[in-house]
Amino acid sequence: MKILTRQEEMFLLAVWRLAENAYGVTIAEKLSETTGKKWIVGQVYVPLERLEQKGYLRSYFSEPVSERGGRSKRLYRITKEGLNALIEVKSVENSLWKDINMISLEHGKENS
């Protein structure tokens, strides 16, 4: 079993949610929106490349886009392996969180 890091999980979920519009800028925006932390485009390419090397993502180039001066966008798509990794990490997480609720966590804070 290969366990994803939290960052890998966030990137895969962002790409999955963005579907056909997953490229550097939109991925950085989705991560910023979701985490509340400012992600700049340059920060996303190394993790995306690693996920692609692991076989969890696949990249391809779009048709040339006029607003980019005729340049193509590098788009990302989650692979079957990437989806399976997300399903597996969610299953592990659910198992670990089983029978733990927020009331228990709040109660634990008071005893610390």
Protein backbone atom coordinates (compact mmCIF):
# COMPACT_ATOMS: atom_id res chain seq x y z
CA MET A 1 0.00 0.00 0.00
CA LYS A 2 1.35 3.40 -1.00
CA ILE A 3 0.15 6.20 1.24
CA LEU A 4 -0.15 9.66 -0.26
CA THR A 5 1.21 12.66 1.58
CA ARG A 6 -1.39 15.29 2.47
CA GLN A 7 0.08 17.57 -0.21
CA GLU A 8 -0.17 14.84 -2.85
CA GLU A 9 -3.77 14.23 -1.83
CA MET A 10 -4.60 17.94 -2.13
CA PHE A 11 -3.01 18.18 -5.57
CA LEU A 12 -4.79 15.09 -6.89
CA LEU A 13 -8.13 16.33 -5.54
CA ALA A 14 -7.58 19.78 -7.06
CA VAL A 15 -6.83 18.27 -10.47
CA TRP A 16 -9.83 15.94 -10.19
CA ARG A 17 -12.17 18.83 -9.25
CA LEU A 18 -10.87 21.08 -12.02
CA ALA A 19 -11.40 18.32 -14.60
CA GLU A 20 -10.64 19.65 -18.11
CA ASN A 21 -9.44 23.00 -16.72
CA ALA A 22 -6.56 21.71 -14.56
CA TYR A 23 -3.39 23.64 -15.40
CA GLY A 24 -0.81 25.51 -13.31
CA VAL A 25 -2.78 28.72 -12.70
CA THR A 26 -6.11 27.06 -11.91
CA ILE A 27 -4.47 24.45 -9.67
CA ALA A 28 -2.69 27.18 -7.68
CA GLU A 29 -5.97 29.11 -7.40
CA LYS A 30 -7.89 26.01 -6.25
CA LEU A 31 -5.25 25.21 -3.62
CA SER A 32 -5.26 28.84 -2.40
CA GLU A 33 -9.04 28.86 -2.20
CA THR A 34 -9.16 25.52 -0.36
CA THR A 35 -6.28 25.95 2.08
CA GLY A 36 -6.43 29.69 2.71
CA LYS A 37 -2.70 29.79 1.93
CA LYS A 38 -1.44 31.73 -1.09
CA TRP A 39 -0.06 29.36 -3.71
CA ILE A 40 1.85 30.84 -6.59
CA VAL A 41 2.04 29.09 -9.93
CA GLY A 42 5.74 28.32 -9.59
CA GLN A 43 5.07 26.28 -6.44
CA VAL A 44 2.81 23.77 -8.14
CA TYR A 45 4.99 22.43 -10.94
CA VAL A 46 7.44 20.33 -8.88
CA PRO A 47 4.69 18.45 -6.99
CA LEU A 48 2.76 18.00 -10.26
CA GLU A 49 5.87 16.59 -11.93
CA ARG A 50 6.43 14.17 -9.02
CA LEU A 51 2.83 12.98 -9.21
CA GLU A 52 3.22 12.49 -12.94
CA GLN A 53 6.42 10.46 -12.41
CA LYS A 54 4.56 8.27 -9.90
CA GLY A 55 1.87 7.64 -12.51
CA TYR A 56 -0.91 9.45 -10.61
CA LEU A 57 -1.25 12.28 -13.15
CA ARG A 58 -0.83 12.63 -16.88
CA SER A 59 -0.15 15.91 -18.63
CA TYR A 60 -0.89 17.01 -22.17
CA PHE A 61 -0.93 20.23 -24.13
CA SER A 62 -4.08 22.07 -25.15
CA GLU A 63 -4.69 23.59 -28.52
CA PRO A 64 -3.04 27.02 -28.83
CA VAL A 65 -4.92 29.68 -26.86
CA SER A 66 -5.26 33.20 -28.28
CA GLU A 67 -5.17 34.94 -24.85
CA ARG A 68 -1.78 33.27 -24.28
CA GLY A 69 -0.35 34.62 -27.52
CA GLY A 70 -1.05 31.39 -29.34
CA ARG A 71 0.73 29.20 -26.77
CA SER A 72 -0.72 25.97 -25.44
CA LYS A 73 -1.59 25.22 -21.81
CA ARG A 74 -0.11 22.21 -20.06
CA LEU A 75 -3.17 20.46 -18.69
CA TYR A 76 -3.24 17.69 -16.09
CA ARG A 77 -5.57 14.74 -15.75
CA ILE A 78 -5.73 12.23 -12.91
CA THR A 79 -4.99 8.64 -13.91
CA LYS A 80 -6.68 5.44 -12.78
CA GLU A 81 -3.71 4.90 -10.44
CA GLY A 82 -4.21 8.38 -9.01
CA LEU A 83 -7.91 7.73 -8.38
CA ASN A 84 -7.08 4.42 -6.73
CA ALA A 85 -4.52 6.14 -4.49
CA LEU A 86 -7.17 8.70 -3.45
CA ILE A 87 -9.69 5.96 -2.70
CA GLU A 88 -7.11 4.09 -0.66
CA VAL A 89 -6.03 7.12 1.38
CA LYS A 90 -9.68 8.01 2.05
CA SER A 91 -10.35 4.47 3.26
CA VAL A 92 -7.35 4.59 5.61
CA GLU A 93 -8.42 8.01 6.88
CA ASN A 94 -11.99 6.83 7.49
CA SER A 95 -10.68 3.84 9.39
CA LEU A 96 -8.45 6.00 11.57
CA TRP A 97 -11.26 8.49 12.28
CA LYS A 98 -13.86 5.80 12.97
CA ASP A 99 -15.60 6.35 16.32
CA ILE A 100 -13.88 9.70 16.85
CA ASN A 101 -16.14 12.70 16.74
CA MET A 102 -15.55 16.39 17.25
CA ILE A 103 -17.01 16.28 20.79
CA SER A 104 -14.35 13.74 21.75
CA LEU A 105 -11.66 15.94 20.26
CA GLU A 106 -12.92 19.03 22.08
CA HIS A 107 -13.09 17.07 25.35
CA GLY A 108 -9.51 15.93 24.81
CA LYS A 109 -8.38 19.55 24.50
CA GLU A 110 -9.73 20.33 27.95
CA ASN A 111 -7.73 17.49 29.47
CA SER A 112 -4.44 18.52 27.88
